[in-house]
Amino acid sequence: MPNIKSAIKRVKTSDARNAQNTTARSSMRTAVKKVEAAVSINDAAAAKEVLVAAASKLDKAAAKGLIHKNAAARKKSRLMKKTNSL
């Protein structure tokens, strides 16, 4: 544990930011899994509905720097291909 005041603050802020990033990354992954689950049971209506939420979460994660913007675009493209194949 640091003794210097600014270092103590950096530890606190980095822990808080890490918790926020973990939550955002987890919700993004959950949204992607919901789309894949809907596709696997051939439910086109549900897949299209959760695809919108997943695309939004991917875009927000890319904007925050949690994932690369091209990775977000690639994941969205693959999800849309799967959804449109139904």
C-alpha atoms as a PDB file:
ATOM      1  CA  MET A   1       0.000   0.000   0.000  1.00  0.00           C
ATOM      2  CA  PRO A   2       1.439   3.393  -0.950  1.00  0.00           C
ATOM      3  CA  ASN A   3       2.243   6.034   1.647  1.00  0.00           C
ATOM      4  CA  ILE A   4       2.132   9.088  -0.587  1.00  0.00           C
ATOM      5  CA  LYS A   5      -1.233  10.837  -0.756  1.00  0.00           C
ATOM      6  CA  SER A   6      -1.376  11.079  -4.557  1.00  0.00           C
ATOM      7  CA  ALA A   7      -0.408   7.413  -4.919  1.00  0.00           C
ATOM      8  CA  ILE A   8      -3.160   6.410  -2.486  1.00  0.00           C
ATOM      9  CA  LYS A   9      -5.649   8.372  -4.584  1.00  0.00           C
ATOM     10  CA  ARG A  10      -4.403   6.731  -7.794  1.00  0.00           C
ATOM     11  CA  VAL A  11      -4.970   3.289  -6.271  1.00  0.00           C
ATOM     12  CA  LYS A  12      -8.531   4.244  -5.276  1.00  0.00           C
ATOM     13  CA  THR A  13      -9.377   5.744  -8.661  1.00  0.00           C
ATOM     14  CA  SER A  14      -7.834   2.880 -10.609  1.00  0.00           C
ATOM     15  CA  ASP A  15      -9.807   0.362  -8.512  1.00  0.00           C
ATOM     16  CA  ALA A  16     -13.041   2.278  -9.135  1.00  0.00           C
ATOM     17  CA  ARG A  17     -12.335   2.541 -12.877  1.00  0.00           C
ATOM     18  CA  ASN A  18     -11.429  -1.147 -13.024  1.00  0.00           C
ATOM     19  CA  ALA A  19     -14.768  -2.040 -11.423  1.00  0.00           C
ATOM     20  CA  GLN A  20     -16.669   0.097 -13.949  1.00  0.00           C
ATOM     21  CA  ASN A  21     -14.765  -1.415 -16.864  1.00  0.00           C
ATOM     22  CA  THR A  22     -15.391  -4.946 -15.586  1.00  0.00           C
ATOM     23  CA  THR A  23     -19.118  -4.258 -15.299  1.00  0.00           C
ATOM     24  CA  ALA A  24     -19.332  -2.739 -18.779  1.00  0.00           C
ATOM     25  CA  ARG A  25     -17.299  -5.573 -20.345  1.00  0.00           C
ATOM     26  CA  SER A  26     -19.445  -8.185 -18.602  1.00  0.00           C
ATOM     27  CA  SER A  27     -22.733  -6.632 -19.737  1.00  0.00           C
ATOM     28  CA  MET A  28     -21.370  -6.407 -23.302  1.00  0.00           C
ATOM     29  CA  ARG A  29     -20.451 -10.093 -23.309  1.00  0.00           C
ATOM     30  CA  THR A  30     -23.847 -11.019 -21.846  1.00  0.00           C
ATOM     31  CA  ALA A  31     -25.628  -9.061 -24.586  1.00  0.00           C
ATOM     32  CA  VAL A  32     -23.611 -10.883 -27.267  1.00  0.00           C
ATOM     33  CA  LYS A  33     -24.419 -14.254 -25.688  1.00  0.00           C
ATOM     34  CA  LYS A  34     -28.140 -13.388 -25.657  1.00  0.00           C
ATOM     35  CA  VAL A  35     -28.044 -12.800 -29.411  1.00  0.00           C
ATOM     36  CA  GLU A  36     -26.203 -16.068 -30.002  1.00  0.00           C
ATOM     37  CA  ALA A  37     -28.686 -17.926 -27.789  1.00  0.00           C
ATOM     38  CA  ALA A  38     -31.645 -16.479 -29.703  1.00  0.00           C
ATOM     39  CA  VAL A  39     -30.009 -17.457 -33.003  1.00  0.00           C
ATOM     40  CA  SER A  40     -29.322 -20.990 -31.782  1.00  0.00           C
ATOM     41  CA  ILE A  41     -33.030 -21.571 -31.030  1.00  0.00           C
ATOM     42  CA  ASN A  42     -34.022 -19.977 -34.378  1.00  0.00           C
ATOM     43  CA  ASP A  43     -36.019 -17.150 -32.779  1.00  0.00           C
ATOM     44  CA  ALA A  44     -35.634 -14.404 -35.374  1.00  0.00           C
ATOM     45  CA  ALA A  45     -37.806 -11.825 -33.607  1.00  0.00           C
ATOM     46  CA  ALA A  46     -35.967 -12.135 -30.302  1.00  0.00           C
ATOM     47  CA  ALA A  47     -32.600 -12.188 -32.055  1.00  0.00           C
ATOM     48  CA  LYS A  48     -33.293  -8.921 -33.866  1.00  0.00           C
ATOM     49  CA  GLU A  49     -34.517  -7.352 -30.640  1.00  0.00           C
ATOM     50  CA  VAL A  50     -31.452  -8.256 -28.574  1.00  0.00           C
ATOM     51  CA  LEU A  51     -29.135  -7.512 -31.505  1.00  0.00           C
ATOM     52  CA  VAL A  52     -29.956  -3.814 -31.177  1.00  0.00           C
ATOM     53  CA  ALA A  53     -28.979  -3.842 -27.500  1.00  0.00           C
ATOM     54  CA  ALA A  54     -25.820  -5.837 -28.193  1.00  0.00           C
ATOM     55  CA  ALA A  55     -24.726  -3.471 -30.968  1.00  0.00           C
ATOM     56  CA  SER A  56     -25.224  -0.529 -28.635  1.00  0.00           C
ATOM     57  CA  LYS A  57     -23.174  -2.167 -25.877  1.00  0.00           C
ATOM     58  CA  LEU A  58     -20.393  -3.001 -28.351  1.00  0.00           C
ATOM     59  CA  ASP A  59     -20.307   0.587 -29.616  1.00  0.00           C
ATOM     60  CA  LYS A  60     -20.184   1.969 -26.083  1.00  0.00           C
ATOM     61  CA  ALA A  61     -17.395  -0.423 -25.127  1.00  0.00           C
ATOM     62  CA  ALA A  62     -15.410   0.642 -28.185  1.00  0.00           C
ATOM     63  CA  ALA A  63     -15.973   4.308 -27.379  1.00  0.00           C
ATOM     64  CA  LYS A  64     -14.709   3.782 -23.828  1.00  0.00           C
ATOM     65  CA  GLY A  65     -11.669   1.895 -25.052  1.00  0.00           C
ATOM     66  CA  LEU A  66     -12.655  -1.449 -23.542  1.00  0.00           C
ATOM     67  CA  ILE A  67     -12.323  -3.110 -26.935  1.00  0.00           C
ATOM     68  CA  HIS A  68     -10.852  -1.893 -30.200  1.00  0.00           C
ATOM     69  CA  LYS A  69     -13.287  -0.209 -32.585  1.00  0.00           C
ATOM     70  CA  ASN A  70     -12.506  -2.740 -35.324  1.00  0.00           C
ATOM     71  CA  ALA A  71     -13.143  -5.606 -32.908  1.00  0.00           C
ATOM     72  CA  ALA A  72     -16.530  -4.098 -32.101  1.00  0.00           C
ATOM     73  CA  ALA A  73     -17.328  -3.730 -35.797  1.00  0.00           C
ATOM     74  CA  ARG A  74     -16.242  -7.315 -36.468  1.00  0.00           C
ATOM     75  CA  LYS A  75     -18.389  -8.696 -33.640  1.00  0.00           C
ATOM     76  CA  LYS A  76     -21.408  -6.657 -34.783  1.00  0.00           C
ATOM     77  CA  SER A  77     -20.947  -7.845 -38.358  1.00  0.00           C
ATOM     78  CA  ARG A  78     -20.797 -11.492 -37.320  1.00  0.00           C
ATOM     79  CA  LEU A  79     -23.864 -11.153 -35.108  1.00  0.00           C
ATOM     80  CA  MET A  80     -25.799  -9.453 -37.911  1.00  0.00           C
ATOM     81  CA  LYS A  81     -24.834 -12.199 -40.355  1.00  0.00           C
ATOM     82  CA  LYS A  82     -26.089 -14.848 -37.940  1.00  0.00           C
ATOM     83  CA  THR A  83     -29.310 -12.947 -37.265  1.00  0.00           C
ATOM     84  CA  ASN A  84     -30.023 -12.238 -40.925  1.00  0.00           C
ATOM     85  CA  SER A  85     -29.522 -15.907 -41.824  1.00  0.00           C
ATOM     86  CA  LEU A  86     -32.672 -16.815 -39.861  1.00  0.00           C
END
